[in-house]
Each structure stands twice: as structure tokens, then as C-alpha cells.
Amino acid sequence: MIHVTTDDTTMDRLYHGATVVHTAPAIFRVGGPGALTCLQGLLTNDLDKPGPGSLVYGALLTPKGMIVLDLWTIRDAEGFTLIVPITARQAATDLLRKSLPPRLARVADLTGEATALWLLGGAVALHTSAAGLGSLPEGGRSEALELAGHPIALASGSPAAWFRGLVIGGTEGIATARRNLSAQGVVAGDEVDTQTARILAGWPALGSEIGEKTLPQEVRYDEIGGVSYTKGCYTGQETVARIHFRGHPNRELRGLDWDSTEPLAGTAVTTEDRAVGEIGSVVETPHRRIGLAVLRREVEPGTPVTAGGRPAVVALLPFPAERHSA
């Protein structure tokens, strides 16, 4: 379980202010004459239709349709940049080496050479131009830029994403972008900010809501735009399509809203003494606690439950801004 503590002022800033968080995810570059075709056969989402200049979210699956890892993909005129949770670096390396023929799709691991800036908050777009980054592209789009002679990519999150913007680049380019954003009053955040923003947006994370046997539809991939049902075949597609067209998942990602901030006792979620799921992530302020859990589908929003030994109510996702403003 991921458990972070923050305050109401920070929550308000993550909704309405401007924050930048520097992280070091696993980053891969894929190019070559068959890069698009090969990646289309792996990623749950469509890379072809959005075209160059796009930022797309999706996952790589097992043949049985279970999530191995999730990732963001920037497509430009020369190829693709894959942004993967650092904990999944080895899994991504193994999958890409196994699945991409070198004569068609060349893979370079840029982890450590390139890093990421996540731009959070409704006001962040007001600062990018003044910081020399240019205007933030429209939702789900990306641009290749130069900042003080250093190449970077600036992209905007999809409408449902937990972040507003994303900057990818080498050490010097990212350092310059951080300095420029700071000079414009953008607050330097940390992992607590990214986890809080993710939870507020109702977005799943590898290792908490996404486990070894998680299917995409169980963790809101339909709602957050992480899967395409029209692009054709990819690894695990048969299971994903069957659930979409012929049924529904037995579990779904829900919000939890606790009545108090008394210490939690475990991660189990129960209703009427029946186990219905596990807590995945929690964020709390001195007087409020909310979280995410993958629950049995019949446990609908508004249902009272016991989560971690404490009374809570199942909530709709994403969590509304007005409930968390300072």
C-alpha cells in the first residue's frame, strides 16, 4: 500500500496552482522502419491514429491480458519515447528485447541519461511560456523543442491524466527547465505531490492498484483512455476485447473516503463482514483521509464499508476539487 501525508494547502495547489516534480523513470527510445508496427502489437492503446506529436497512455500485457507494466509514449517524427515506472525497468527491457526485432525496431535505454519533469496544477500552463518552454500543447499532444541549446520534449497530459504537463530531456535541458520554472514561481514538489495528484485523479499505479493479475478494465483504463478497441491485435487483446464486448470485470477501481483519520489497521476492505477488496493507496491531511481500492464490482459508490478497520464510504473517481480545497 502507498500511504502519503500532506495538507490542505498542498492539495489546493495541486488542483489550482503550479508545481513541478523531477523524477527519474525508466526511459527508452524506439526507432527504426518497423517501430510503429511493432509497438502497435504491444501497447494497449493506439499509437497510429494520434500520429506524430502525441502523448499516449497504455500498458503492456501478458498473453492472458494481465498488466505487466504501464507507460506513457511520446511519438515524434523520428520514433518513440517510452516513459516507464522505474520499478518496471527490467520487465520493460526484457519485453522490448524479446518482442522487437532489431532490424525493424531499435531500442535504446536512456534511463539515467534522460529524466522527467511532471507539471501539476491548473495554473501551470500560465508559466511554461515565460519559462522558455513555449505554450503547453493541447491535451495529449507533444512538441520537440530546444531550451538553451538542449533538446527537450514538452507534452500535455490527456484530460483525465493526473498531471498537466510533462517535460523529457537530458540532464542539462531538464536542469535549465527546472531553474526557469522556479524563477517563474512554480513550486518544486516531490513524490508526495505526484502520489497525491495521482490519487486525487483516481489513477492506478504499478505495485499498488496494479498487481500481477490485474486486467486493464479493472483499473479504469476505459475511463482514463488507456485502451483502444479499434486498432487491431496486440498481446493480450483477446481477453481485453472479450471483457469489453461480452461482459464486464468482476472488480473495479473505486475511491474511499474515510470518516476519520484514526490509524488504519491493515488493508482489507469489507462490507457486512465480507471481504470485497484491498486498499491500494492512501493520502491524508490532518483531518481527512481518502484512497483507492480495487473492489468487487457490486460495491458501488455510496456504499458504507470498513477499510483498514475504519468506517469509510466508497466514492466516485476522480475526487472532486471542491471537497479538498483549503
C-alpha atoms as a PDB file:
ATOM      1  CA  MET A   1       0.000   0.000   0.000  1.00  0.00           C
ATOM      2  CA  ILE A   2       1.167   3.522  -0.806  1.00  0.00           C
ATOM      3  CA  HIS A   3       0.449   5.900   2.087  1.00  0.00           C
ATOM      4  CA  VAL A   4       1.338   9.611   1.941  1.00  0.00           C
ATOM      5  CA  THR A   5       0.602  12.505   4.277  1.00  0.00           C
ATOM      6  CA  THR A   6       0.118  16.093   3.131  1.00  0.00           C
ATOM      7  CA  ASP A   7      -2.017  19.152   3.971  1.00  0.00           C
ATOM      8  CA  ASP A   8      -4.977  21.035   2.538  1.00  0.00           C
ATOM      9  CA  THR A   9      -2.798  23.827   1.161  1.00  0.00           C
ATOM     10  CA  THR A  10      -0.807  21.355  -0.915  1.00  0.00           C
ATOM     11  CA  MET A  11      -3.965  19.650  -2.176  1.00  0.00           C
ATOM     12  CA  ASP A  12      -5.332  23.028  -3.249  1.00  0.00           C
ATOM     13  CA  ARG A  13      -2.055  23.818  -5.042  1.00  0.00           C
ATOM     14  CA  LEU A  14      -2.181  20.502  -6.881  1.00  0.00           C
ATOM     15  CA  TYR A  15      -5.638  21.360  -8.175  1.00  0.00           C
ATOM     16  CA  HIS A  16      -5.312  25.083  -8.797  1.00  0.00           C
ATOM     17  CA  GLY A  17      -1.648  26.127  -8.502  1.00  0.00           C
ATOM     18  CA  ALA A  18       1.601  25.253 -10.269  1.00  0.00           C
ATOM     19  CA  THR A  19       4.043  22.543  -9.145  1.00  0.00           C
ATOM     20  CA  VAL A  20       6.972  20.821 -10.854  1.00  0.00           C
ATOM     21  CA  VAL A  21       8.332  17.439  -9.716  1.00  0.00           C
ATOM     22  CA  HIS A  22      11.588  15.993 -11.030  1.00  0.00           C
ATOM     23  CA  THR A  23      11.694  12.183 -11.290  1.00  0.00           C
ATOM     24  CA  ALA A  24      13.927   9.563 -12.873  1.00  0.00           C
ATOM     25  CA  PRO A  25      11.677   6.966 -14.533  1.00  0.00           C
ATOM     26  CA  ALA A  26      12.916   4.296 -16.901  1.00  0.00           C
ATOM     27  CA  ILE A  27      13.084   5.876 -20.359  1.00  0.00           C
ATOM     28  CA  PHE A  28      13.505   4.000 -23.632  1.00  0.00           C
ATOM     29  CA  ARG A  29      13.863   5.269 -27.161  1.00  0.00           C
ATOM     30  CA  VAL A  30      12.481   3.126 -30.000  1.00  0.00           C
ATOM     31  CA  GLY A  31      13.154   3.881 -33.657  1.00  0.00           C
ATOM     32  CA  GLY A  32      13.516   2.110 -36.968  1.00  0.00           C
ATOM     33  CA  PRO A  33      11.365   1.337 -40.014  1.00  0.00           C
ATOM     34  CA  GLY A  34       9.067  -1.037 -38.129  1.00  0.00           C
ATOM     35  CA  ALA A  35       8.883   0.758 -34.789  1.00  0.00           C
ATOM     36  CA  LEU A  36       5.251   1.814 -35.162  1.00  0.00           C
ATOM     37  CA  THR A  37       4.046  -1.598 -36.326  1.00  0.00           C
ATOM     38  CA  CYS A  38       5.962  -3.420 -33.594  1.00  0.00           C
ATOM     39  CA  LEU A  39       4.797  -1.147 -30.776  1.00  0.00           C
ATOM     40  CA  GLN A  40       1.210  -1.301 -32.069  1.00  0.00           C
ATOM     41  CA  GLY A  41       1.407  -5.025 -31.467  1.00  0.00           C
ATOM     42  CA  LEU A  42       2.364  -4.489 -27.827  1.00  0.00           C
ATOM     43  CA  LEU A  43       0.667  -1.399 -26.405  1.00  0.00           C
ATOM     44  CA  THR A  44      -2.991  -1.475 -25.350  1.00  0.00           C
ATOM     45  CA  ASN A  45      -3.613   1.951 -26.851  1.00  0.00           C
ATOM     46  CA  ASP A  46      -3.392   3.255 -30.418  1.00  0.00           C
ATOM     47  CA  LEU A  47      -0.167   4.966 -31.483  1.00  0.00           C
ATOM     48  CA  ASP A  48      -1.069   5.216 -35.172  1.00  0.00           C
ATOM     49  CA  LYS A  49      -4.221   7.345 -35.129  1.00  0.00           C
ATOM     50  CA  PRO A  50      -2.873  10.167 -32.904  1.00  0.00           C
ATOM     51  CA  GLY A  51       0.151  10.460 -35.219  1.00  0.00           C
ATOM     52  CA  PRO A  52       3.453  12.226 -34.553  1.00  0.00           C
ATOM     53  CA  GLY A  53       3.344  14.842 -31.820  1.00  0.00           C
ATOM     54  CA  SER A  54       1.242  12.762 -29.430  1.00  0.00           C
ATOM     55  CA  LEU A  55       1.422  11.520 -25.847  1.00  0.00           C
ATOM     56  CA  VAL A  56      -0.429   8.258 -25.264  1.00  0.00           C
ATOM     57  CA  TYR A  57      -1.007   6.195 -22.118  1.00  0.00           C
ATOM     58  CA  GLY A  58      -1.282   2.411 -22.142  1.00  0.00           C
ATOM     59  CA  ALA A  59       0.097  -0.866 -20.867  1.00  0.00           C
ATOM     60  CA  LEU A  60       1.989  -3.948 -21.952  1.00  0.00           C
ATOM     61  CA  LEU A  61       0.114  -7.156 -21.143  1.00  0.00           C
ATOM     62  CA  THR A  62       0.689 -10.849 -20.730  1.00  0.00           C
ATOM     63  CA  PRO A  63      -0.883 -13.088 -23.396  1.00  0.00           C
ATOM     64  CA  LYS A  64      -3.767 -13.598 -20.931  1.00  0.00           C
ATOM     65  CA  GLY A  65      -4.452  -9.858 -20.779  1.00  0.00           C
ATOM     66  CA  MET A  66      -2.908  -9.022 -17.387  1.00  0.00           C
ATOM     67  CA  ILE A  67      -0.882  -5.839 -16.951  1.00  0.00           C
ATOM     68  CA  VAL A  68       2.899  -6.271 -16.867  1.00  0.00           C
ATOM     69  CA  LEU A  69       3.631  -2.548 -16.771  1.00  0.00           C
ATOM     70  CA  ASP A  70       2.033   0.769 -17.658  1.00  0.00           C
ATOM     71  CA  LEU A  71       3.717   3.545 -19.622  1.00  0.00           C
ATOM     72  CA  TRP A  72       3.409   6.880 -21.398  1.00  0.00           C
ATOM     73  CA  THR A  73       4.591   7.054 -25.020  1.00  0.00           C
ATOM     74  CA  ILE A  74       5.647  10.204 -26.864  1.00  0.00           C
ATOM     75  CA  ARG A  75       5.620   9.851 -30.634  1.00  0.00           C
ATOM     76  CA  ASP A  76       7.650  12.289 -32.740  1.00  0.00           C
ATOM     77  CA  ALA A  77       8.791  12.387 -36.354  1.00  0.00           C
ATOM     78  CA  GLU A  78      11.751  10.076 -35.713  1.00  0.00           C
ATOM     79  CA  GLY A  79      10.367   7.490 -33.293  1.00  0.00           C
ATOM     80  CA  PHE A  80       9.005   6.893 -29.825  1.00  0.00           C
ATOM     81  CA  THR A  81       9.997   7.725 -26.257  1.00  0.00           C
ATOM     82  CA  LEU A  82       8.637   5.312 -23.646  1.00  0.00           C
ATOM     83  CA  ILE A  83       8.300   6.520 -20.032  1.00  0.00           C
ATOM     84  CA  VAL A  84       8.023   3.544 -17.665  1.00  0.00           C
ATOM     85  CA  PRO A  85       7.921   3.279 -13.843  1.00  0.00           C
ATOM     86  CA  ILE A  86      11.491   2.753 -12.675  1.00  0.00           C
ATOM     87  CA  THR A  87      10.408  -0.380 -10.808  1.00  0.00           C
ATOM     88  CA  ALA A  88       9.431  -1.916 -14.166  1.00  0.00           C
ATOM     89  CA  ARG A  89      12.688  -1.123 -15.968  1.00  0.00           C
ATOM     90  CA  GLN A  90      13.877  -4.728 -16.107  1.00  0.00           C
ATOM     91  CA  ALA A  91      10.456  -6.017 -17.162  1.00  0.00           C
ATOM     92  CA  ALA A  92      10.329  -3.410 -19.926  1.00  0.00           C
ATOM     93  CA  THR A  93      13.862  -4.267 -21.050  1.00  0.00           C
ATOM     94  CA  ASP A  94      13.028  -7.962 -21.249  1.00  0.00           C
ATOM     95  CA  LEU A  95       9.756  -7.422 -23.118  1.00  0.00           C
ATOM     96  CA  LEU A  96      11.207  -4.981 -25.634  1.00  0.00           C
ATOM     97  CA  ARG A  97      14.224  -7.170 -26.374  1.00  0.00           C
ATOM     98  CA  LYS A  98      12.023 -10.220 -26.778  1.00  0.00           C
ATOM     99  CA  SER A  99       9.284  -8.566 -28.846  1.00  0.00           C
ATOM    100  CA  LEU A 100      11.036  -6.029 -31.108  1.00  0.00           C
ATOM    101  CA  PRO A 101      13.160  -7.415 -33.984  1.00  0.00           C
ATOM    102  CA  PRO A 102      16.354  -5.255 -34.159  1.00  0.00           C
ATOM    103  CA  ARG A 103      16.144  -4.939 -37.943  1.00  0.00           C
ATOM    104  CA  LEU A 104      12.723  -3.308 -37.579  1.00  0.00           C
ATOM    105  CA  ALA A 105      12.777  -1.527 -34.221  1.00  0.00           C
ATOM    106  CA  ARG A 106      15.935  -0.421 -32.426  1.00  0.00           C
ATOM    107  CA  VAL A 107      15.738   0.093 -28.643  1.00  0.00           C
ATOM    108  CA  ALA A 108      17.986   2.382 -26.594  1.00  0.00           C
ATOM    109  CA  ASP A 109      17.765   2.506 -22.806  1.00  0.00           C
ATOM    110  CA  LEU A 110      18.142   6.174 -21.804  1.00  0.00           C
ATOM    111  CA  THR A 111      17.434   5.627 -18.117  1.00  0.00           C
ATOM    112  CA  GLY A 112      19.645   7.974 -16.108  1.00  0.00           C
ATOM    113  CA  GLU A 113      20.632   9.969 -19.204  1.00  0.00           C
ATOM    114  CA  ALA A 114      17.129  11.416 -19.584  1.00  0.00           C
ATOM    115  CA  THR A 115      14.752  12.344 -16.765  1.00  0.00           C
ATOM    116  CA  ALA A 116      11.279  13.817 -16.407  1.00  0.00           C
ATOM    117  CA  LEU A 117       9.520  16.880 -15.036  1.00  0.00           C
ATOM    118  CA  TRP A 118       5.852  16.457 -14.161  1.00  0.00           C
ATOM    119  CA  LEU A 119       3.863  19.698 -14.214  1.00  0.00           C
ATOM    120  CA  LEU A 120       0.937  19.679 -11.803  1.00  0.00           C
ATOM    121  CA  GLY A 121      -1.940  22.079 -11.166  1.00  0.00           C
ATOM    122  CA  GLY A 122      -4.420  24.124 -13.146  1.00  0.00           C
ATOM    123  CA  ALA A 123      -2.191  27.207 -13.305  1.00  0.00           C
ATOM    124  CA  VAL A 124       0.947  25.546 -14.634  1.00  0.00           C
ATOM    125  CA  ALA A 125       0.152  26.378 -18.270  1.00  0.00           C
ATOM    126  CA  LEU A 126       0.424  30.068 -17.380  1.00  0.00           C
ATOM    127  CA  HIS A 127       4.140  29.639 -16.615  1.00  0.00           C
ATOM    128  CA  THR A 128       5.586  27.474 -19.397  1.00  0.00           C
ATOM    129  CA  SER A 129       5.976  30.232 -21.990  1.00  0.00           C
ATOM    130  CA  ALA A 130       7.646  32.601 -19.529  1.00  0.00           C
ATOM    131  CA  ALA A 131       9.996  29.759 -18.581  1.00  0.00           C
ATOM    132  CA  GLY A 132      11.128  29.393 -22.183  1.00  0.00           C
ATOM    133  CA  LEU A 133       9.225  26.160 -22.792  1.00  0.00           C
ATOM    134  CA  GLY A 134       6.584  27.628 -25.058  1.00  0.00           C
ATOM    135  CA  SER A 135       2.850  27.157 -24.713  1.00  0.00           C
ATOM    136  CA  LEU A 136       1.680  23.882 -23.249  1.00  0.00           C
ATOM    137  CA  PRO A 137       0.249  21.823 -26.131  1.00  0.00           C
ATOM    138  CA  GLU A 138      -3.381  20.790 -26.161  1.00  0.00           C
ATOM    139  CA  GLY A 139      -4.349  17.636 -24.280  1.00  0.00           C
ATOM    140  CA  GLY A 140      -2.422  14.549 -25.302  1.00  0.00           C
ATOM    141  CA  ARG A 141      -0.036  16.355 -27.652  1.00  0.00           C
ATOM    142  CA  SER A 142       3.734  16.853 -27.564  1.00  0.00           C
ATOM    143  CA  GLU A 143       6.355  19.087 -29.145  1.00  0.00           C
ATOM    144  CA  ALA A 144      10.105  18.728 -29.673  1.00  0.00           C
ATOM    145  CA  LEU A 145      11.890  21.889 -28.511  1.00  0.00           C
ATOM    146  CA  GLU A 146      15.295  23.325 -27.722  1.00  0.00           C
ATOM    147  CA  LEU A 147      15.935  25.048 -24.412  1.00  0.00           C
ATOM    148  CA  ALA A 148      19.234  26.956 -24.224  1.00  0.00           C
ATOM    149  CA  GLY A 149      20.530  24.655 -26.955  1.00  0.00           C
ATOM    150  CA  HIS A 150      19.390  21.451 -25.263  1.00  0.00           C
ATOM    151  CA  PRO A 151      16.714  19.232 -26.875  1.00  0.00           C
ATOM    152  CA  ILE A 152      13.639  18.508 -24.768  1.00  0.00           C
ATOM    153  CA  ALA A 153      10.111  17.274 -25.353  1.00  0.00           C
ATOM    154  CA  LEU A 154       7.131  19.132 -23.869  1.00  0.00           C
ATOM    155  CA  ALA A 155       3.825  17.280 -23.704  1.00  0.00           C
ATOM    156  CA  SER A 156       0.447  17.748 -22.088  1.00  0.00           C
ATOM    157  CA  GLY A 157      -1.483  15.087 -20.248  1.00  0.00           C
ATOM    158  CA  SER A 158      -4.754  13.720 -21.531  1.00  0.00           C
ATOM    159  CA  PRO A 159      -7.884  15.310 -19.995  1.00  0.00           C
ATOM    160  CA  ALA A 160      -8.123  12.549 -17.370  1.00  0.00           C
ATOM    161  CA  ALA A 161      -4.392  12.448 -16.533  1.00  0.00           C
ATOM    162  CA  TRP A 162      -3.069  13.197 -13.053  1.00  0.00           C
ATOM    163  CA  PHE A 163      -0.610  15.768 -14.446  1.00  0.00           C
ATOM    164  CA  ARG A 164      -0.991  18.779 -16.744  1.00  0.00           C
ATOM    165  CA  GLY A 165       2.374  18.676 -18.474  1.00  0.00           C
ATOM    166  CA  LEU A 166       5.454  16.503 -18.952  1.00  0.00           C
ATOM    167  CA  VAL A 167       8.998  17.523 -19.903  1.00  0.00           C
ATOM    168  CA  ILE A 168      11.512  14.876 -21.014  1.00  0.00           C
ATOM    169  CA  GLY A 169      15.166  15.628 -21.677  1.00  0.00           C
ATOM    170  CA  GLY A 170      18.805  15.132 -20.835  1.00  0.00           C
ATOM    171  CA  THR A 171      20.469  16.349 -17.655  1.00  0.00           C
ATOM    172  CA  GLU A 172      21.294  19.885 -18.810  1.00  0.00           C
ATOM    173  CA  GLY A 173      17.981  20.524 -20.529  1.00  0.00           C
ATOM    174  CA  ILE A 174      15.979  19.357 -17.534  1.00  0.00           C
ATOM    175  CA  ALA A 175      18.146  21.384 -15.126  1.00  0.00           C
ATOM    176  CA  THR A 176      17.556  24.511 -17.225  1.00  0.00           C
ATOM    177  CA  ALA A 177      13.806  23.871 -17.363  1.00  0.00           C
ATOM    178  CA  ARG A 178      13.686  23.441 -13.569  1.00  0.00           C
ATOM    179  CA  ARG A 179      15.560  26.692 -12.972  1.00  0.00           C
ATOM    180  CA  ASN A 180      13.369  28.604 -15.389  1.00  0.00           C
ATOM    181  CA  LEU A 181      10.147  27.253 -13.923  1.00  0.00           C
ATOM    182  CA  SER A 182      11.317  28.042 -10.399  1.00  0.00           C
ATOM    183  CA  ALA A 183      12.129  31.604 -11.470  1.00  0.00           C
ATOM    184  CA  GLN A 184       8.513  31.931 -12.627  1.00  0.00           C
ATOM    185  CA  GLY A 185       7.171  30.905  -9.218  1.00  0.00           C
ATOM    186  CA  VAL A 186       6.418  27.248  -9.940  1.00  0.00           C
ATOM    187  CA  VAL A 187       6.767  25.315  -6.673  1.00  0.00           C
ATOM    188  CA  ALA A 188       9.290  22.473  -6.556  1.00  0.00           C
ATOM    189  CA  GLY A 189       7.405  19.373  -5.376  1.00  0.00           C
ATOM    190  CA  ASP A 190       8.324  15.794  -4.512  1.00  0.00           C
ATOM    191  CA  GLU A 191       6.971  12.250  -4.618  1.00  0.00           C
ATOM    192  CA  VAL A 192       4.278  13.119  -2.086  1.00  0.00           C
ATOM    193  CA  ASP A 193       2.906  15.618  -4.614  1.00  0.00           C
ATOM    194  CA  THR A 194       2.902  13.152  -7.506  1.00  0.00           C
ATOM    195  CA  GLN A 195       1.274  10.426  -5.409  1.00  0.00           C
ATOM    196  CA  THR A 196      -1.321  12.859  -4.067  1.00  0.00           C
ATOM    197  CA  ALA A 197      -2.137  14.127  -7.564  1.00  0.00           C
ATOM    198  CA  ARG A 198      -2.431  10.560  -8.823  1.00  0.00           C
ATOM    199  CA  ILE A 199      -4.780   9.504  -6.028  1.00  0.00           C
ATOM    200  CA  LEU A 200      -6.958  12.602  -6.425  1.00  0.00           C
ATOM    201  CA  ALA A 201      -7.272  11.812 -10.142  1.00  0.00           C
ATOM    202  CA  GLY A 202      -8.221   8.187  -9.442  1.00  0.00           C
ATOM    203  CA  TRP A 203      -5.231   6.908 -11.397  1.00  0.00           C
ATOM    204  CA  PRO A 204      -3.814   3.391 -10.751  1.00  0.00           C
ATOM    205  CA  ALA A 205      -0.148   2.714 -10.014  1.00  0.00           C
ATOM    206  CA  LEU A 206       2.021  -0.316 -10.591  1.00  0.00           C
ATOM    207  CA  GLY A 207       2.550  -2.180  -7.341  1.00  0.00           C
ATOM    208  CA  SER A 208      -0.491  -0.738  -5.559  1.00  0.00           C
ATOM    209  CA  GLU A 209      -3.694  -0.841  -7.626  1.00  0.00           C
ATOM    210  CA  ILE A 210      -1.986  -2.732 -10.465  1.00  0.00           C
ATOM    211  CA  GLY A 211      -0.836  -6.200  -9.428  1.00  0.00           C
ATOM    212  CA  GLU A 212       0.366  -9.304 -11.241  1.00  0.00           C
ATOM    213  CA  LYS A 213      -3.179 -10.407 -12.170  1.00  0.00           C
ATOM    214  CA  THR A 214      -4.792  -7.035 -12.900  1.00  0.00           C
ATOM    215  CA  LEU A 215      -6.781  -6.565 -16.111  1.00  0.00           C
ATOM    216  CA  PRO A 216      -6.929  -3.099 -17.741  1.00  0.00           C
ATOM    217  CA  GLN A 217     -10.677  -2.629 -17.257  1.00  0.00           C
ATOM    218  CA  GLU A 218     -10.329  -3.334 -13.533  1.00  0.00           C
ATOM    219  CA  VAL A 219      -8.306  -0.146 -13.062  1.00  0.00           C
ATOM    220  CA  ARG A 220     -10.300   2.411 -15.088  1.00  0.00           C
ATOM    221  CA  TYR A 221      -8.485   2.033 -18.418  1.00  0.00           C
ATOM    222  CA  ASP A 222     -11.742   2.775 -20.244  1.00  0.00           C
ATOM    223  CA  GLU A 223     -12.259   5.971 -18.242  1.00  0.00           C
ATOM    224  CA  ILE A 224      -8.659   7.217 -18.400  1.00  0.00           C
ATOM    225  CA  GLY A 225      -8.136   6.425 -22.089  1.00  0.00           C
ATOM    226  CA  GLY A 226      -5.603   3.628 -21.705  1.00  0.00           C
ATOM    227  CA  VAL A 227      -7.009   1.113 -24.200  1.00  0.00           C
ATOM    228  CA  SER A 228      -8.186   1.073 -27.818  1.00  0.00           C
ATOM    229  CA  TYR A 229     -10.889  -1.298 -29.071  1.00  0.00           C
ATOM    230  CA  THR A 230     -10.466  -0.385 -32.742  1.00  0.00           C
ATOM    231  CA  LYS A 231      -6.747  -0.509 -33.544  1.00  0.00           C
ATOM    232  CA  GLY A 232      -6.404  -4.262 -34.036  1.00  0.00           C
ATOM    233  CA  CYS A 233      -4.401  -7.015 -32.383  1.00  0.00           C
ATOM    234  CA  TYR A 234      -1.814  -6.683 -29.640  1.00  0.00           C
ATOM    235  CA  THR A 235      -0.558  -9.031 -26.940  1.00  0.00           C
ATOM    236  CA  GLY A 236      -3.440  -9.778 -24.548  1.00  0.00           C
ATOM    237  CA  GLN A 237      -6.008  -8.113 -26.809  1.00  0.00           C
ATOM    238  CA  GLU A 238      -8.335 -11.109 -26.981  1.00  0.00           C
ATOM    239  CA  THR A 239      -9.048 -11.059 -23.241  1.00  0.00           C
ATOM    240  CA  VAL A 240      -9.445  -7.269 -23.143  1.00  0.00           C
ATOM    241  CA  ALA A 241     -11.835  -7.294 -26.108  1.00  0.00           C
ATOM    242  CA  ARG A 242     -13.883 -10.178 -24.715  1.00  0.00           C
ATOM    243  CA  ILE A 243     -14.471  -8.312 -21.447  1.00  0.00           C
ATOM    244  CA  HIS A 244     -15.430  -5.149 -23.327  1.00  0.00           C
ATOM    245  CA  PHE A 245     -17.815  -6.657 -25.847  1.00  0.00           C
ATOM    246  CA  ARG A 246     -19.264  -9.614 -23.936  1.00  0.00           C
ATOM    247  CA  GLY A 247     -19.109  -8.872 -20.226  1.00  0.00           C
ATOM    248  CA  HIS A 248     -17.525  -6.786 -17.518  1.00  0.00           C
ATOM    249  CA  PRO A 249     -14.703  -7.128 -14.984  1.00  0.00           C
ATOM    250  CA  ASN A 250     -15.517  -8.609 -11.607  1.00  0.00           C
ATOM    251  CA  ARG A 251     -13.518  -5.884  -9.873  1.00  0.00           C
ATOM    252  CA  GLU A 252     -13.247  -2.129 -10.403  1.00  0.00           C
ATOM    253  CA  LEU A 253     -11.077   0.686  -9.073  1.00  0.00           C
ATOM    254  CA  ARG A 254     -13.016   2.852  -6.595  1.00  0.00           C
ATOM    255  CA  GLY A 255     -12.349   5.739  -4.260  1.00  0.00           C
ATOM    256  CA  LEU A 256     -12.509   5.502  -0.470  1.00  0.00           C
ATOM    257  CA  ASP A 257     -13.499   8.394   1.785  1.00  0.00           C
ATOM    258  CA  TRP A 258     -12.956   7.773   5.494  1.00  0.00           C
ATOM    259  CA  ASP A 259     -14.986   9.235   8.346  1.00  0.00           C
ATOM    260  CA  SER A 260     -11.871   9.896  10.441  1.00  0.00           C
ATOM    261  CA  THR A 261      -8.087   9.821  10.423  1.00  0.00           C
ATOM    262  CA  GLU A 262      -7.681   7.228  13.161  1.00  0.00           C
ATOM    263  CA  PRO A 263      -4.750   4.910  12.326  1.00  0.00           C
ATOM    264  CA  LEU A 264      -5.564   2.169   9.865  1.00  0.00           C
ATOM    265  CA  ALA A 265      -5.401  -1.463  10.946  1.00  0.00           C
ATOM    266  CA  GLY A 266      -4.475  -3.389   7.811  1.00  0.00           C
ATOM    267  CA  THR A 267      -5.514  -3.001   4.177  1.00  0.00           C
ATOM    268  CA  ALA A 268      -8.669  -5.139   3.913  1.00  0.00           C
ATOM    269  CA  VAL A 269     -11.930  -3.620   2.701  1.00  0.00           C
ATOM    270  CA  THR A 270     -15.059  -5.369   3.961  1.00  0.00           C
ATOM    271  CA  THR A 271     -18.795  -4.875   3.915  1.00  0.00           C
ATOM    272  CA  GLU A 272     -21.162  -6.846   6.140  1.00  0.00           C
ATOM    273  CA  ASP A 273     -18.139  -8.878   7.274  1.00  0.00           C
ATOM    274  CA  ARG A 274     -17.410  -9.958   3.702  1.00  0.00           C
ATOM    275  CA  ALA A 275     -14.035  -9.185   2.087  1.00  0.00           C
ATOM    276  CA  VAL A 276     -14.516  -7.120  -1.074  1.00  0.00           C
ATOM    277  CA  GLY A 277     -11.018  -5.809  -1.818  1.00  0.00           C
ATOM    278  CA  GLU A 278      -7.776  -4.261  -0.621  1.00  0.00           C
ATOM    279  CA  ILE A 279      -6.644  -0.679  -0.107  1.00  0.00           C
ATOM    280  CA  GLY A 280      -4.066   0.285  -2.733  1.00  0.00           C
ATOM    281  CA  SER A 281      -3.187   3.915  -1.973  1.00  0.00           C
ATOM    282  CA  VAL A 282      -3.995   6.468   0.729  1.00  0.00           C
ATOM    283  CA  VAL A 283      -3.429  10.195   1.105  1.00  0.00           C
ATOM    284  CA  GLU A 284      -4.356  12.080   4.223  1.00  0.00           C
ATOM    285  CA  THR A 285      -4.292  15.548   5.725  1.00  0.00           C
ATOM    286  CA  PRO A 286      -4.503  16.241   9.465  1.00  0.00           C
ATOM    287  CA  HIS A 287      -8.295  15.983   9.279  1.00  0.00           C
ATOM    288  CA  ARG A 288      -9.132  13.976   6.125  1.00  0.00           C
ATOM    289  CA  ARG A 289      -8.216  10.643   4.501  1.00  0.00           C
ATOM    290  CA  ILE A 290      -9.051   9.382   1.013  1.00  0.00           C
ATOM    291  CA  GLY A 291      -7.705   6.500  -1.027  1.00  0.00           C
ATOM    292  CA  LEU A 292      -8.019   3.997  -3.849  1.00  0.00           C
ATOM    293  CA  ALA A 293      -9.007   0.339  -3.784  1.00  0.00           C
ATOM    294  CA  VAL A 294      -9.855  -2.336  -6.345  1.00  0.00           C
ATOM    295  CA  LEU A 295     -13.219  -3.646  -5.090  1.00  0.00           C
ATOM    296  CA  ARG A 296     -15.838  -6.150  -6.113  1.00  0.00           C
ATOM    297  CA  ARG A 297     -17.923  -4.613  -8.885  1.00  0.00           C
ATOM    298  CA  GLU A 298     -21.167  -4.780  -6.903  1.00  0.00           C
ATOM    299  CA  VAL A 299     -19.751  -2.466  -4.210  1.00  0.00           C
ATOM    300  CA  GLU A 300     -20.988   0.736  -5.800  1.00  0.00           C
ATOM    301  CA  PRO A 301     -20.160   4.368  -4.934  1.00  0.00           C
ATOM    302  CA  GLY A 302     -22.027   5.442  -1.820  1.00  0.00           C
ATOM    303  CA  THR A 303     -21.709   2.030  -0.138  1.00  0.00           C
ATOM    304  CA  PRO A 304     -20.524   2.119   3.505  1.00  0.00           C
ATOM    305  CA  VAL A 305     -17.528  -0.163   4.053  1.00  0.00           C
ATOM    306  CA  THR A 306     -14.861  -0.893   6.618  1.00  0.00           C
ATOM    307  CA  ALA A 307     -11.446  -0.124   5.141  1.00  0.00           C
ATOM    308  CA  GLY A 308      -8.329  -0.816   7.143  1.00  0.00           C
ATOM    309  CA  GLY A 309     -10.534  -1.365  10.170  1.00  0.00           C
ATOM    310  CA  ARG A 310     -12.122   2.108   9.920  1.00  0.00           C
ATOM    311  CA  PRO A 311     -15.523   3.273   8.592  1.00  0.00           C
ATOM    312  CA  ALA A 312     -15.424   4.650   5.062  1.00  0.00           C
ATOM    313  CA  VAL A 313     -17.675   5.267   2.076  1.00  0.00           C
ATOM    314  CA  VAL A 314     -16.982   4.149  -1.487  1.00  0.00           C
ATOM    315  CA  ALA A 315     -16.515   7.249  -3.662  1.00  0.00           C
ATOM    316  CA  LEU A 316     -16.725   8.136  -7.335  1.00  0.00           C
ATOM    317  CA  LEU A 317     -13.477   8.886  -9.145  1.00  0.00           C
ATOM    318  CA  PRO A 318     -11.839  11.269  -9.694  1.00  0.00           C
ATOM    319  CA  PHE A 319     -12.218  13.045  -6.363  1.00  0.00           C
ATOM    320  CA  PRO A 320     -13.832  16.470  -6.923  1.00  0.00           C
ATOM    321  CA  ALA A 321     -11.682  19.562  -6.341  1.00  0.00           C
ATOM    322  CA  GLU A 322     -14.231  21.363  -4.191  1.00  0.00           C
ATOM    323  CA  ARG A 323     -14.070  18.685  -1.495  1.00  0.00           C
ATOM    324  CA  HIS A 324     -10.369  19.253  -0.965  1.00  0.00           C
ATOM    325  CA  SER A 325      -9.781  22.972  -1.271  1.00  0.00           C
ATOM    326  CA  ALA A 326      -8.194  24.705   1.706  1.00  0.00           C
END
